[in-house]
Amino acid sequence: MAYNQGGDSGFFKGFLFGGLLGAIAALLFAPKSGREMREDISRRSRELKDDVELKLEHAVKRAEEILAESRQKLENFRNETKAELKHLEESAASKYREGKDALRDEKGRIKEAVHAGVAAYKDEKHSKS
């Protein structure tokens, strides 16, 4: 049993190559004059060239479409990322300010508590004397 490594594209390439060889063989072995044979080969070559050019045009057009789509997706991703980053920066700055304000307020309360404690200690010390 043979193992097919080429897949369908290998079969298709082989089929096309075999068809091309068959067409050439038919032209060469057909009972035609040299002039008719040259005309057939020339005509067939032009047809093959035109077909290849058409497929190449199609491939280039599709590649350009894919490139344009990719560029648009990249631009959208970049814009979304910039917007999200800006939102995160604003949120972080807001949280930083809130934390700084809370720390300042807590520092003031601790300072007041320490002063009150010192004053209470002094009052207690003076009242015992």
N, C-alpha and C. Protein backbone atom coordinates (compact mmCIF):
# COMPACT_ATOMS: atom_id res chain seq x y z
N MET A 1 0.85 -1.17 0.00
CA MET A 1 0.00 0.00 0.00
C MET A 1 0.90 1.23 0.00
N ALA A 2 0.66 2.14 -0.89
CA ALA A 2 1.48 3.35 -1.00
C ALA A 2 0.97 4.40 -0.01
N TYR A 3 1.90 5.19 0.51
CA TYR A 3 1.56 6.26 1.44
C TYR A 3 1.54 7.58 0.69
N ASN A 4 0.45 8.29 0.76
CA ASN A 4 0.27 9.54 0.01
C ASN A 4 0.74 10.71 0.86
N GLN A 5 1.92 11.24 0.57
CA GLN A 5 2.45 12.36 1.32
C GLN A 5 2.07 13.69 0.70
N GLY A 6 1.81 13.70 -0.58
CA GLY A 6 1.54 14.95 -1.28
C GLY A 6 0.15 15.48 -1.06
N GLY A 7 -0.76 14.64 -0.66
CA GLY A 7 -2.14 15.09 -0.47
C GLY A 7 -2.80 15.35 -1.80
N ASP A 8 -3.90 16.08 -1.75
CA ASP A 8 -4.67 16.38 -2.96
C ASP A 8 -3.91 17.29 -3.91
N SER A 9 -3.12 18.22 -3.37
CA SER A 9 -2.40 19.14 -4.26
C SER A 9 -1.36 18.39 -5.07
N GLY A 10 -0.73 17.37 -4.51
CA GLY A 10 0.23 16.55 -5.25
C GLY A 10 -0.46 15.80 -6.37
N PHE A 11 -1.63 15.28 -6.09
CA PHE A 11 -2.40 14.57 -7.11
C PHE A 11 -2.78 15.53 -8.23
N PHE A 12 -3.23 16.73 -7.85
CA PHE A 12 -3.65 17.73 -8.84
C PHE A 12 -2.48 18.15 -9.72
N LYS A 13 -1.32 18.38 -9.10
CA LYS A 13 -0.13 18.75 -9.88
C LYS A 13 0.25 17.63 -10.84
N GLY A 14 0.21 16.41 -10.36
CA GLY A 14 0.52 15.26 -11.22
C GLY A 14 -0.47 15.13 -12.35
N PHE A 15 -1.73 15.38 -12.05
CA PHE A 15 -2.78 15.31 -13.06
C PHE A 15 -2.54 16.36 -14.15
N LEU A 16 -2.24 17.59 -13.73
CA LEU A 16 -1.96 18.65 -14.70
C LEU A 16 -0.72 18.35 -15.53
N PHE A 17 0.33 17.91 -14.86
CA PHE A 17 1.57 17.59 -15.57
C PHE A 17 1.34 16.46 -16.57
N GLY A 18 0.60 15.44 -16.15
CA GLY A 18 0.29 14.33 -17.05
C GLY A 18 -0.55 14.79 -18.23
N GLY A 19 -1.51 15.67 -17.97
CA GLY A 19 -2.34 16.21 -19.05
C GLY A 19 -1.51 17.01 -20.03
N LEU A 20 -0.58 17.81 -19.50
CA LEU A 20 0.30 18.60 -20.36
C LEU A 20 1.17 17.70 -21.23
N LEU A 21 1.75 16.67 -20.61
CA LEU A 21 2.57 15.72 -21.38
C LEU A 21 1.73 15.01 -22.43
N GLY A 22 0.52 14.63 -22.07
CA GLY A 22 -0.37 13.98 -23.03
C GLY A 22 -0.70 14.88 -24.20
N ALA A 23 -0.94 16.16 -23.91
CA ALA A 23 -1.25 17.11 -24.98
C ALA A 23 -0.06 17.29 -25.91
N ILE A 24 1.13 17.38 -25.33
CA ILE A 24 2.34 17.52 -26.15
C ILE A 24 2.54 16.27 -27.00
N ALA A 25 2.36 15.11 -26.39
CA ALA A 25 2.53 13.85 -27.13
C ALA A 25 1.50 13.76 -28.26
N ALA A 26 0.27 14.17 -27.99
CA ALA A 26 -0.77 14.12 -29.03
C ALA A 26 -0.40 15.05 -30.18
N LEU A 27 0.15 16.20 -29.84
CA LEU A 27 0.56 17.12 -30.90
C LEU A 27 1.71 16.55 -31.73
N LEU A 28 2.66 15.96 -31.04
CA LEU A 28 3.84 15.45 -31.74
C LEU A 28 3.54 14.22 -32.59
N PHE A 29 2.64 13.39 -32.12
CA PHE A 29 2.35 12.15 -32.85
C PHE A 29 1.14 12.26 -33.78
N ALA A 30 0.49 13.38 -33.80
CA ALA A 30 -0.66 13.56 -34.69
C ALA A 30 -0.15 13.65 -36.14
N PRO A 31 -0.90 13.09 -37.04
CA PRO A 31 -0.48 13.13 -38.44
C PRO A 31 -0.77 14.50 -39.06
N LYS A 32 0.09 15.46 -38.71
CA LYS A 32 -0.05 16.81 -39.25
C LYS A 32 1.27 17.22 -39.89
N SER A 33 1.17 18.23 -40.69
CA SER A 33 2.40 18.75 -41.29
C SER A 33 3.18 19.51 -40.23
N GLY A 34 4.43 19.75 -40.50
CA GLY A 34 5.28 20.49 -39.56
C GLY A 34 4.74 21.87 -39.27
N ARG A 35 4.22 22.51 -40.29
CA ARG A 35 3.67 23.85 -40.13
C ARG A 35 2.43 23.83 -39.23
N GLU A 36 1.53 22.89 -39.45
CA GLU A 36 0.34 22.76 -38.60
C GLU A 36 0.73 22.46 -37.17
N MET A 37 1.72 21.58 -37.00
CA MET A 37 2.16 21.20 -35.66
C MET A 37 2.75 22.42 -34.94
N ARG A 38 3.57 23.20 -35.62
CA ARG A 38 4.16 24.40 -35.01
C ARG A 38 3.07 25.39 -34.63
N GLU A 39 2.07 25.54 -35.50
CA GLU A 39 0.96 26.44 -35.19
C GLU A 39 0.18 25.95 -33.98
N ASP A 40 -0.06 24.65 -33.89
CA ASP A 40 -0.76 24.08 -32.73
C ASP A 40 0.05 24.29 -31.45
N ILE A 41 1.35 24.03 -31.54
CA ILE A 41 2.21 24.21 -30.35
C ILE A 41 2.23 25.68 -29.96
N SER A 42 2.34 26.57 -30.93
CA SER A 42 2.35 28.00 -30.65
C SER A 42 1.04 28.45 -30.02
N ARG A 43 -0.08 27.99 -30.59
CA ARG A 43 -1.39 28.35 -30.05
C ARG A 43 -1.55 27.82 -28.63
N ARG A 44 -1.18 26.58 -28.44
CA ARG A 44 -1.31 25.96 -27.11
C ARG A 44 -0.40 26.67 -26.10
N SER A 45 0.78 27.07 -26.52
CA SER A 45 1.70 27.80 -25.63
C SER A 45 1.10 29.14 -25.22
N ARG A 46 0.49 29.84 -26.17
CA ARG A 46 -0.15 31.12 -25.86
C ARG A 46 -1.30 30.92 -24.87
N GLU A 47 -2.10 29.89 -25.11
CA GLU A 47 -3.22 29.60 -24.20
C GLU A 47 -2.71 29.31 -22.79
N LEU A 48 -1.65 28.51 -22.72
CA LEU A 48 -1.07 28.16 -21.42
C LEU A 48 -0.51 29.41 -20.74
N LYS A 49 0.18 30.26 -21.52
CA LYS A 49 0.75 31.50 -20.98
C LYS A 49 -0.37 32.40 -20.47
N ASP A 50 -1.44 32.54 -21.26
CA ASP A 50 -2.57 33.38 -20.85
C ASP A 50 -3.21 32.85 -19.57
N ASP A 51 -3.34 31.54 -19.48
CA ASP A 51 -3.92 30.92 -18.29
C ASP A 51 -3.06 31.18 -17.06
N VAL A 52 -1.75 31.04 -17.21
CA VAL A 52 -0.84 31.28 -16.09
C VAL A 52 -0.90 32.75 -15.68
N GLU A 53 -0.92 33.67 -16.65
CA GLU A 53 -1.00 35.10 -16.34
C GLU A 53 -2.30 35.43 -15.61
N LEU A 54 -3.40 34.83 -16.04
CA LEU A 54 -4.69 35.06 -15.39
C LEU A 54 -4.66 34.57 -13.95
N LYS A 55 -4.12 33.38 -13.75
CA LYS A 55 -4.04 32.84 -12.38
C LYS A 55 -3.10 33.68 -11.52
N LEU A 56 -2.02 34.16 -12.11
CA LEU A 56 -1.09 35.01 -11.37
C LEU A 56 -1.77 36.33 -10.98
N GLU A 57 -2.51 36.92 -11.91
CA GLU A 57 -3.27 38.15 -11.61
C GLU A 57 -4.23 37.92 -10.45
N HIS A 58 -4.93 36.79 -10.51
CA HIS A 58 -5.89 36.47 -9.45
C HIS A 58 -5.16 36.30 -8.11
N ALA A 59 -4.03 35.62 -8.13
CA ALA A 59 -3.27 35.40 -6.89
C ALA A 59 -2.76 36.73 -6.33
N VAL A 60 -2.27 37.61 -7.19
CA VAL A 60 -1.78 38.92 -6.74
C VAL A 60 -2.93 39.74 -6.16
N LYS A 61 -4.08 39.72 -6.84
CA LYS A 61 -5.25 40.47 -6.36
C LYS A 61 -5.68 39.95 -4.99
N ARG A 62 -5.72 38.64 -4.84
CA ARG A 62 -6.12 38.05 -3.55
C ARG A 62 -5.11 38.40 -2.46
N ALA A 63 -3.83 38.36 -2.81
CA ALA A 63 -2.79 38.72 -1.83
C ALA A 63 -2.94 40.18 -1.40
N GLU A 64 -3.25 41.06 -2.35
CA GLU A 64 -3.48 42.46 -2.01
C GLU A 64 -4.70 42.63 -1.12
N GLU A 65 -5.76 41.87 -1.38
CA GLU A 65 -6.96 41.94 -0.53
C GLU A 65 -6.63 41.48 0.88
N ILE A 66 -5.90 40.38 0.99
CA ILE A 66 -5.53 39.86 2.30
C ILE A 66 -4.65 40.86 3.04
N LEU A 67 -3.72 41.47 2.32
CA LEU A 67 -2.84 42.47 2.92
C LEU A 67 -3.65 43.67 3.42
N ALA A 68 -4.60 44.13 2.62
CA ALA A 68 -5.44 45.26 3.04
C ALA A 68 -6.27 44.90 4.27
N GLU A 69 -6.83 43.69 4.27
CA GLU A 69 -7.61 43.24 5.44
C GLU A 69 -6.72 43.16 6.67
N SER A 70 -5.52 42.64 6.50
CA SER A 70 -4.58 42.51 7.63
C SER A 70 -4.19 43.88 8.16
N ARG A 71 -3.94 44.81 7.25
CA ARG A 71 -3.59 46.17 7.69
C ARG A 71 -4.75 46.79 8.47
N GLN A 72 -5.97 46.61 7.99
CA GLN A 72 -7.13 47.18 8.68
C GLN A 72 -7.30 46.55 10.07
N LYS A 73 -7.14 45.23 10.14
CA LYS A 73 -7.26 44.56 11.43
C LYS A 73 -6.17 45.03 12.39
N LEU A 74 -4.96 45.21 11.87
CA LEU A 74 -3.85 45.69 12.70
C LEU A 74 -4.13 47.11 13.19
N GLU A 75 -4.65 47.96 12.32
CA GLU A 75 -4.97 49.34 12.70
C GLU A 75 -6.08 49.35 13.77
N ASN A 76 -7.10 48.52 13.59
CA ASN A 76 -8.17 48.42 14.59
C ASN A 76 -7.62 47.94 15.92
N PHE A 77 -6.76 46.92 15.88
CA PHE A 77 -6.17 46.39 17.11
C PHE A 77 -5.33 47.46 17.79
N ARG A 78 -4.56 48.21 17.00
CA ARG A 78 -3.72 49.27 17.55
C ARG A 78 -4.58 50.34 18.22
N ASN A 79 -5.65 50.75 17.56
CA ASN A 79 -6.53 51.77 18.14
C ASN A 79 -7.21 51.28 19.41
N GLU A 80 -7.68 50.03 19.39
CA GLU A 80 -8.31 49.46 20.58
C GLU A 80 -7.31 49.36 21.73
N THR A 81 -6.09 48.96 21.41
CA THR A 81 -5.05 48.83 22.43
C THR A 81 -4.70 50.19 23.01
N LYS A 82 -4.58 51.20 22.15
CA LYS A 82 -4.28 52.55 22.63
C LYS A 82 -5.39 53.04 23.56
N ALA A 83 -6.64 52.82 23.17
CA ALA A 83 -7.77 53.27 23.99
C ALA A 83 -7.77 52.55 25.34
N GLU A 84 -7.52 51.25 25.31
CA GLU A 84 -7.49 50.48 26.56
C GLU A 84 -6.33 50.92 27.44
N LEU A 85 -5.18 51.17 26.84
CA LEU A 85 -4.01 51.63 27.59
C LEU A 85 -4.29 52.99 28.23
N LYS A 86 -4.92 53.88 27.48
CA LYS A 86 -5.26 55.20 28.02
C LYS A 86 -6.22 55.05 29.20
N HIS A 87 -7.20 54.18 29.05
CA HIS A 87 -8.16 53.93 30.13
C HIS A 87 -7.43 53.39 31.37
N LEU A 88 -6.51 52.45 31.16
CA LEU A 88 -5.77 51.88 32.29
C LEU A 88 -4.88 52.93 32.96
N GLU A 89 -4.25 53.78 32.16
CA GLU A 89 -3.42 54.85 32.72
C GLU A 89 -4.25 55.81 33.57
N GLU A 90 -5.42 56.19 33.05
CA GLU A 90 -6.30 57.09 33.79
C GLU A 90 -6.79 56.44 35.07
N SER A 91 -7.13 55.17 34.99
CA SER A 91 -7.59 54.43 36.17
C SER A 91 -6.47 54.33 37.21
N ALA A 92 -5.26 54.02 36.75
CA ALA A 92 -4.12 53.91 37.67
C ALA A 92 -3.83 55.26 38.32
N ALA A 93 -3.88 56.34 37.54
CA ALA A 93 -3.63 57.68 38.09
C ALA A 93 -4.69 58.03 39.12
N SER A 94 -5.95 57.69 38.83
CA SER A 94 -7.03 57.96 39.77
C SER A 94 -6.85 57.18 41.06
N LYS A 95 -6.51 55.90 40.94
CA LYS A 95 -6.29 55.07 42.14
C LYS A 95 -5.09 55.60 42.94
N TYR A 96 -4.05 56.06 42.24
CA TYR A 96 -2.88 56.61 42.92
C TYR A 96 -3.28 57.85 43.72
N ARG A 97 -4.06 58.75 43.09
CA ARG A 97 -4.50 59.96 43.79
C ARG A 97 -5.38 59.61 45.00
N GLU A 98 -6.28 58.64 44.82
CA GLU A 98 -7.14 58.22 45.93
C GLU A 98 -6.29 57.66 47.07
N GLY A 99 -5.31 56.83 46.73
CA GLY A 99 -4.44 56.25 47.76
C GLY A 99 -3.61 57.32 48.46
N LYS A 100 -3.11 58.26 47.68
CA LYS A 100 -2.31 59.35 48.25
C LYS A 100 -3.15 60.20 49.19
N ASP A 101 -4.39 60.52 48.77
CA ASP A 101 -5.29 61.31 49.62
C ASP A 101 -5.64 60.54 50.89
N ALA A 102 -5.93 59.26 50.76
CA ALA A 102 -6.27 58.44 51.93
C ALA A 102 -5.09 58.36 52.88
N LEU A 103 -3.89 58.23 52.35
CA LEU A 103 -2.68 58.17 53.19
C LEU A 103 -2.47 59.50 53.91
N ARG A 104 -2.69 60.61 53.22
CA ARG A 104 -2.54 61.93 53.84
C ARG A 104 -3.57 62.10 54.96
N ASP A 105 -4.82 61.69 54.69
CA ASP A 105 -5.87 61.79 55.71
C ASP A 105 -5.53 60.92 56.91
N GLU A 106 -5.07 59.71 56.66
CA GLU A 106 -4.74 58.79 57.75
C GLU A 106 -3.55 59.33 58.55
N LYS A 107 -2.60 59.91 57.86
CA LYS A 107 -1.44 60.50 58.53
C LYS A 107 -1.90 61.62 59.46
N GLY A 108 -2.85 62.45 58.99
CA GLY A 108 -3.38 63.53 59.82
C GLY A 108 -4.10 62.97 61.05
N ARG A 109 -4.90 61.91 60.88
CA ARG A 109 -5.61 61.31 62.02
C ARG A 109 -4.62 60.70 63.02
N ILE A 110 -3.58 60.06 62.51
CA ILE A 110 -2.58 59.47 63.41
C ILE A 110 -1.86 60.57 64.18
N LYS A 111 -1.52 61.65 63.47
CA LYS A 111 -0.83 62.76 64.11
C LYS A 111 -1.70 63.36 65.21
N GLU A 112 -3.00 63.55 64.92
CA GLU A 112 -3.93 64.07 65.92
C GLU A 112 -4.03 63.12 67.10
N ALA A 113 -4.10 61.81 66.82
CA ALA A 113 -4.20 60.82 67.90
C ALA A 113 -2.95 60.83 68.77
N VAL A 114 -1.79 60.96 68.14
CA VAL A 114 -0.54 61.02 68.91
C VAL A 114 -0.53 62.27 69.78
N HIS A 115 -0.90 63.41 69.21
CA HIS A 115 -0.95 64.65 70.00
C HIS A 115 -1.94 64.52 71.15
N ALA A 116 -3.09 63.93 70.87
CA ALA A 116 -4.09 63.74 71.92
C ALA A 116 -3.55 62.80 72.99
N GLY A 117 -2.86 61.76 72.58
CA GLY A 117 -2.28 60.82 73.54
C GLY A 117 -1.21 61.48 74.39
N VAL A 118 -0.37 62.29 73.77
CA VAL A 118 0.69 63.01 74.51
C VAL A 118 0.04 63.99 75.48
N ALA A 119 -0.98 64.71 75.03
CA ALA A 119 -1.65 65.67 75.90
C ALA A 119 -2.32 64.95 77.06
N ALA A 120 -2.96 63.82 76.79
CA ALA A 120 -3.61 63.05 77.86
C ALA A 120 -2.57 62.55 78.85
N TYR A 121 -1.44 62.12 78.34
CA TYR A 121 -0.36 61.64 79.21
C TYR A 121 0.13 62.77 80.11
N LYS A 122 0.32 63.96 79.51
CA LYS A 122 0.79 65.11 80.29
C LYS A 122 -0.25 65.51 81.33
N ASP A 123 -1.54 65.51 80.95
CA ASP A 123 -2.60 65.84 81.89
C ASP A 123 -2.63 64.83 83.03
N GLU A 124 -2.50 63.58 82.70
CA GLU A 124 -2.51 62.52 83.71
C GLU A 124 -1.31 62.67 84.64
N LYS A 125 -0.18 63.00 84.07
CA LYS A 125 1.05 63.16 84.85
C LYS A 125 0.92 64.36 85.78
N HIS A 126 0.35 65.45 85.30
CA HIS A 126 0.19 66.65 86.12
C HIS A 126 -0.88 66.45 87.18
N SER A 127 -1.91 65.69 86.89
CA SER A 127 -2.96 65.49 87.88
C SER A 127 -2.49 64.59 89.01
N LYS A 128 -1.52 63.74 88.80
CA LYS A 128 -0.98 62.87 89.84
C LYS A 128 0.03 63.62 90.68
N SER A 129 0.57 64.68 90.19
CA SER A 129 1.58 65.41 90.93
C SER A 129 1.02 66.31 91.96
